[in-house]
C-alpha cells in the first residue's frame, strides 16, 4: 500500500496481477475469462449505481466518498458476494440473454478461445499457463490414485 501511495502508476500493474491471479484460480481458460469479465462488469455497474445514488443526494460527494470507503473496508460485502456468485454462473446469463443461440455462442467462444486466444494469452501471461499445467497435473494425479486404488481392490478380490 505504501508503494501505491508513493507511486500511483503502480496501481495498474497491481490490478493486472490481481486479475490474472483471479483468472488463474478459475483455471485460466475460457470459463475463467468469462468469470473475470462478468465480475468486472457487475462490480462496475454496482459502483456506477452507488455513484448515481450518491450524486442525487444533497451531500452527494461526501456521502459517496464515505460509502466507498466503507465498502472498501468491508471488501466482502453483500453486493460483492452476490456479484461473485453471479460471476460463477456467467454462462447462465449468456444463455438467458441470447436464448438458444447462447449455447452456440458459448461453444464457439470456447473453441475460438482454445485455438486462437489461449496460445497468445499464455505467451503474454505465463502464470496462466502454469496454472493450467498445475490443474492438469492434479487431475492426472487424482486419476492415478483412483486407478491404483481400483487395482488394489481388484487384487484383493
C-alpha atoms as a PDB file:
ATOM      1  CA  UNK A   1       0.000   0.000   0.000  1.00  0.00           C
ATOM      2  CA  UNK A   2       2.840   2.389   0.776  1.00  0.00           C
ATOM      3  CA  UNK A   3       4.303   1.876  -2.690  1.00  0.00           C
ATOM      4  CA  UNK A   4       0.890   2.543  -4.223  1.00  0.00           C
ATOM      5  CA  UNK A   5       0.619   5.800  -2.272  1.00  0.00           C
ATOM      6  CA  UNK A   6       4.092   6.892  -3.405  1.00  0.00           C
ATOM      7  CA  UNK A   7       3.735   5.667  -6.991  1.00  0.00           C
ATOM      8  CA  UNK A   8       0.133   5.781  -8.232  1.00  0.00           C
ATOM      9  CA  UNK A   9       1.232   4.328 -11.581  1.00  0.00           C
ATOM     10  CA  UNK A  10       1.855   1.074  -9.684  1.00  0.00           C
ATOM     11  CA  UNK A  11      -1.943   0.646  -9.459  1.00  0.00           C
ATOM     12  CA  UNK A  12      -2.255  -0.738 -12.990  1.00  0.00           C
ATOM     13  CA  UNK A  13       0.375  -3.496 -12.602  1.00  0.00           C
ATOM     14  CA  UNK A  14      -1.184  -4.346  -9.226  1.00  0.00           C
ATOM     15  CA  UNK A  15      -4.650  -4.545 -10.780  1.00  0.00           C
ATOM     16  CA  UNK A  16      -3.280  -6.590 -13.703  1.00  0.00           C
ATOM     17  CA  UNK A  17      -1.617  -9.072 -11.356  1.00  0.00           C
ATOM     18  CA  UNK A  18      -4.794  -9.395  -9.281  1.00  0.00           C
ATOM     19  CA  UNK A  19      -6.964 -10.013 -12.351  1.00  0.00           C
ATOM     20  CA  UNK A  20      -4.538 -12.591 -13.735  1.00  0.00           C
ATOM     21  CA  UNK A  21      -4.392 -14.360 -10.364  1.00  0.00           C
ATOM     22  CA  UNK A  22      -8.201 -14.347 -10.224  1.00  0.00           C
ATOM     23  CA  UNK A  23      -8.366 -15.746 -13.756  1.00  0.00           C
ATOM     24  CA  UNK A  24      -5.788 -18.408 -12.881  1.00  0.00           C
ATOM     25  CA  UNK A  25      -7.797 -19.513  -9.832  1.00  0.00           C
ATOM     26  CA  UNK A  26     -10.685 -20.236 -12.187  1.00  0.00           C
ATOM     27  CA  UNK A  27      -8.475 -22.413 -14.366  1.00  0.00           C
ATOM     28  CA  UNK A  28      -7.000 -19.783 -16.670  1.00  0.00           C
ATOM     29  CA  UNK A  29      -9.271 -20.789 -19.523  1.00  0.00           C
ATOM     30  CA  UNK A  30     -12.437 -19.692 -21.282  1.00  0.00           C
ATOM     31  CA  UNK A  31     -14.627 -20.112 -18.200  1.00  0.00           C
ATOM     32  CA  UNK A  32     -12.148 -18.140 -16.078  1.00  0.00           C
ATOM     33  CA  UNK A  33     -12.054 -15.348 -18.632  1.00  0.00           C
ATOM     34  CA  UNK A  34     -15.848 -15.203 -18.614  1.00  0.00           C
ATOM     35  CA  UNK A  35     -15.818 -15.170 -14.815  1.00  0.00           C
ATOM     36  CA  UNK A  36     -13.383 -12.252 -14.629  1.00  0.00           C
ATOM     37  CA  UNK A  37     -15.206 -10.272 -17.339  1.00  0.00           C
ATOM     38  CA  UNK A  38     -18.557 -10.838 -15.632  1.00  0.00           C
ATOM     39  CA  UNK A  39     -17.209  -9.901 -12.210  1.00  0.00           C
ATOM     40  CA  UNK A  40     -15.636  -6.705 -13.546  1.00  0.00           C
ATOM     41  CA  UNK A  41     -18.866  -5.785 -15.323  1.00  0.00           C
ATOM     42  CA  UNK A  42     -21.031  -6.444 -12.260  1.00  0.00           C
ATOM     43  CA  UNK A  43     -18.706  -4.551  -9.928  1.00  0.00           C
ATOM     44  CA  UNK A  44     -18.525  -1.620 -12.359  1.00  0.00           C
ATOM     45  CA  UNK A  45     -22.317  -1.468 -12.631  1.00  0.00           C
ATOM     46  CA  UNK A  46     -22.598  -1.673  -8.842  1.00  0.00           C
ATOM     47  CA  UNK A  47     -20.054   1.140  -8.447  1.00  0.00           C
ATOM     48  CA  UNK A  48     -21.862   3.228 -11.068  1.00  0.00           C
ATOM     49  CA  UNK A  49     -25.217   2.755  -9.311  1.00  0.00           C
ATOM     50  CA  UNK A  50     -23.677   3.746  -5.977  1.00  0.00           C
ATOM     51  CA  UNK A  51     -22.177   6.844  -7.601  1.00  0.00           C
ATOM     52  CA  UNK A  52     -25.511   7.786  -9.200  1.00  0.00           C
ATOM     53  CA  UNK A  53     -27.306   7.382  -5.866  1.00  0.00           C
ATOM     54  CA  UNK A  54     -24.705   9.485  -4.109  1.00  0.00           C
ATOM     55  CA  UNK A  55     -24.814  12.200  -6.775  1.00  0.00           C
ATOM     56  CA  UNK A  56     -28.569  12.507  -6.410  1.00  0.00           C
ATOM     57  CA  UNK A  57     -28.414  13.107  -2.672  1.00  0.00           C
ATOM     58  CA  UNK A  58     -27.871  16.508  -1.077  1.00  0.00           C
ATOM     59  CA  UNK A  59     -24.386  15.799   0.214  1.00  0.00           C
ATOM     60  CA  UNK A  60     -23.520  13.601  -2.742  1.00  0.00           C
ATOM     61  CA  UNK A  61     -19.752  13.824  -2.956  1.00  0.00           C
ATOM     62  CA  UNK A  62     -19.163  13.443   0.766  1.00  0.00           C
ATOM     63  CA  UNK A  63     -21.541  10.531   1.145  1.00  0.00           C
ATOM     64  CA  UNK A  64     -20.146   8.884  -1.991  1.00  0.00           C
ATOM     65  CA  UNK A  65     -16.588   9.031  -0.686  1.00  0.00           C
ATOM     66  CA  UNK A  66     -17.705   7.797   2.734  1.00  0.00           C
ATOM     67  CA  UNK A  67     -19.777   4.969   1.266  1.00  0.00           C
ATOM     68  CA  UNK A  68     -16.936   3.882  -0.997  1.00  0.00           C
ATOM     69  CA  UNK A  69     -14.519   3.912   1.931  1.00  0.00           C
ATOM     70  CA  UNK A  70     -16.892   1.760   3.963  1.00  0.00           C
ATOM     71  CA  UNK A  71     -17.408  -0.567   1.014  1.00  0.00           C
ATOM     72  CA  UNK A  72     -13.650  -0.849   0.529  1.00  0.00           C
ATOM     73  CA  UNK A  73     -13.093  -1.673   4.185  1.00  0.00           C
ATOM     74  CA  UNK A  74     -15.817  -4.286   4.136  1.00  0.00           C
ATOM     75  CA  UNK A  75     -14.478  -5.850   0.946  1.00  0.00           C
ATOM     76  CA  UNK A  76     -16.666  -8.905   1.246  1.00  0.00           C
ATOM     77  CA  UNK A  77     -19.908  -7.005   1.496  1.00  0.00           C
ATOM     78  CA  UNK A  78     -23.218  -8.388   0.360  1.00  0.00           C
ATOM     79  CA  UNK A  79     -23.053  -6.786  -3.090  1.00  0.00           C
ATOM     80  CA  UNK A  80     -19.574  -8.122  -3.802  1.00  0.00           C
ATOM     81  CA  UNK A  81     -20.540 -11.558  -2.561  1.00  0.00           C
ATOM     82  CA  UNK A  82     -23.611 -11.563  -4.792  1.00  0.00           C
ATOM     83  CA  UNK A  83     -21.548 -10.354  -7.757  1.00  0.00           C
ATOM     84  CA  UNK A  84     -19.084 -13.163  -7.147  1.00  0.00           C
ATOM     85  CA  UNK A  85     -21.896 -15.721  -7.122  1.00  0.00           C
ATOM     86  CA  UNK A  86     -23.376 -14.223 -10.281  1.00  0.00           C
ATOM     87  CA  UNK A  87     -19.972 -14.318 -11.963  1.00  0.00           C
ATOM     88  CA  UNK A  88     -19.627 -18.021 -11.166  1.00  0.00           C
ATOM     89  CA  UNK A  89     -22.772 -18.764 -13.166  1.00  0.00           C
ATOM     90  CA  UNK A  90     -21.937 -16.421 -16.036  1.00  0.00           C
ATOM     91  CA  UNK A  91     -22.828 -18.974 -18.748  1.00  0.00           C
ATOM     92  CA  UNK A  92     -26.428 -18.932 -17.446  1.00  0.00           C
ATOM     93  CA  UNK A  93     -26.555 -15.170 -18.065  1.00  0.00           C
ATOM     94  CA  UNK A  94     -25.268 -15.734 -21.585  1.00  0.00           C
ATOM     95  CA  UNK A  95     -27.950 -18.346 -22.264  1.00  0.00           C
ATOM     96  CA  UNK A  96     -30.642 -16.146 -20.724  1.00  0.00           C
ATOM     97  CA  UNK A  97     -29.531 -13.121 -22.744  1.00  0.00           C
ATOM     98  CA  UNK A  98     -29.151 -14.891 -26.089  1.00  0.00           C
ATOM     99  CA  UNK A  99     -31.521 -17.830 -25.676  1.00  0.00           C
ATOM    100  CA  UNK A 100     -30.754 -20.932 -27.752  1.00  0.00           C
ATOM    101  CA  UNK A 101     -28.076 -19.134 -29.805  1.00  0.00           C
ATOM    102  CA  UNK A 102     -26.308 -18.562 -26.467  1.00  0.00           C
ATOM    103  CA  UNK A 103     -25.362 -22.227 -26.375  1.00  0.00           C
ATOM    104  CA  UNK A 104     -23.862 -21.939 -29.852  1.00  0.00           C
ATOM    105  CA  UNK A 105     -22.079 -18.712 -28.865  1.00  0.00           C
ATOM    106  CA  UNK A 106     -20.690 -20.413 -25.763  1.00  0.00           C
ATOM    107  CA  UNK A 107     -19.390 -23.437 -27.694  1.00  0.00           C
ATOM    108  CA  UNK A 108     -17.936 -21.303 -30.492  1.00  0.00           C
ATOM    109  CA  UNK A 109     -16.377 -18.964 -27.944  1.00  0.00           C
ATOM    110  CA  UNK A 110     -14.725 -21.911 -26.198  1.00  0.00           C
ATOM    111  CA  UNK A 111     -13.396 -23.286 -29.494  1.00  0.00           C
ATOM    112  CA  UNK A 112     -12.037 -19.910 -30.620  1.00  0.00           C
ATOM    113  CA  UNK A 113     -10.521 -19.370 -27.187  1.00  0.00           C
ATOM    114  CA  UNK A 114      -8.729 -22.741 -27.209  1.00  0.00           C
ATOM    115  CA  UNK A 115      -7.414 -22.463 -30.763  1.00  0.00           C
ATOM    116  CA  UNK A 116      -6.692 -18.753 -31.141  1.00  0.00           C
ATOM    117  CA  UNK A 117      -6.764 -16.839 -27.878  1.00  0.00           C
ATOM    118  CA  UNK A 118      -5.163 -19.281 -25.418  1.00  0.00           C
ATOM    119  CA  UNK A 119      -1.762 -19.524 -27.194  1.00  0.00           C
ATOM    120  CA  UNK A 120      -1.484 -15.742 -27.344  1.00  0.00           C
ATOM    121  CA  UNK A 121      -2.679 -15.185 -23.779  1.00  0.00           C
ATOM    122  CA  UNK A 122      -0.408 -17.842 -22.317  1.00  0.00           C
ATOM    123  CA  UNK A 123       2.555 -16.328 -24.156  1.00  0.00           C
ATOM    124  CA  UNK A 124       1.731 -12.937 -22.635  1.00  0.00           C
ATOM    125  CA  UNK A 125       0.843 -14.259 -19.155  1.00  0.00           C
ATOM    126  CA  UNK A 126       2.963 -17.314 -18.296  1.00  0.00           C
ATOM    127  CA  UNK A 127       1.288 -17.583 -14.890  1.00  0.00           C
ATOM    128  CA  UNK A 128      -1.911 -18.664 -16.650  1.00  0.00           C
ATOM    129  CA  UNK A 129      -0.051 -21.414 -18.481  1.00  0.00           C
ATOM    130  CA  UNK A 130       1.499 -22.534 -15.197  1.00  0.00           C
ATOM    131  CA  UNK A 131      -1.929 -22.609 -13.515  1.00  0.00           C
ATOM    132  CA  UNK A 132      -3.321 -24.743 -16.344  1.00  0.00           C
ATOM    133  CA  UNK A 133      -0.387 -27.159 -16.200  1.00  0.00           C
ATOM    134  CA  UNK A 134      -0.772 -27.439 -12.428  1.00  0.00           C
ATOM    135  CA  UNK A 135      -4.512 -28.111 -12.744  1.00  0.00           C
ATOM    136  CA  UNK A 136      -3.893 -30.805 -15.382  1.00  0.00           C
ATOM    137  CA  UNK A 137      -1.178 -32.390 -13.241  1.00  0.00           C
ATOM    138  CA  UNK A 138      -3.516 -32.540 -10.223  1.00  0.00           C
ATOM    139  CA  UNK A 139      -6.224 -34.169 -12.350  1.00  0.00           C
ATOM    140  CA  UNK A 140      -3.747 -36.763 -13.601  1.00  0.00           C
ATOM    141  CA  UNK A 141      -2.522 -37.485 -10.070  1.00  0.00           C
ATOM    142  CA  UNK A 142      -6.126 -37.960  -8.926  1.00  0.00           C
ATOM    143  CA  UNK A 143      -6.789 -40.368 -11.809  1.00  0.00           C
ATOM    144  CA  UNK A 144      -3.628 -42.294 -10.978  1.00  0.00           C
ATOM    145  CA  UNK A 145      -4.632 -42.605  -7.310  1.00  0.00           C
ATOM    146  CA  UNK A 146      -8.083 -43.885  -8.305  1.00  0.00           C
ATOM    147  CA  UNK A 147      -6.574 -46.423 -10.707  1.00  0.00           C
ATOM    148  CA  UNK A 148      -4.154 -47.609  -8.046  1.00  0.00           C
ATOM    149  CA  UNK A 149      -6.987 -47.958  -5.522  1.00  0.00           C
ATOM    150  CA  UNK A 150      -9.093 -49.926  -8.034  1.00  0.00           C
ATOM    151  CA  UNK A 151      -6.152 -52.157  -8.882  1.00  0.00           C
ATOM    152  CA  UNK A 152      -5.501 -52.740  -5.195  1.00  0.00           C
ATOM    153  CA  UNK A 153      -9.166 -53.653  -4.586  1.00  0.00           C
ATOM    154  CA  UNK A 154      -9.143 -55.904  -7.675  1.00  0.00           C
ATOM    155  CA  UNK A 155      -6.010 -57.702  -6.486  1.00  0.00           C
ATOM    156  CA  UNK A 156      -7.534 -58.213  -3.029  1.00  0.00           C
ATOM    157  CA  UNK A 157     -10.677 -59.796  -4.514  1.00  0.00           C
END
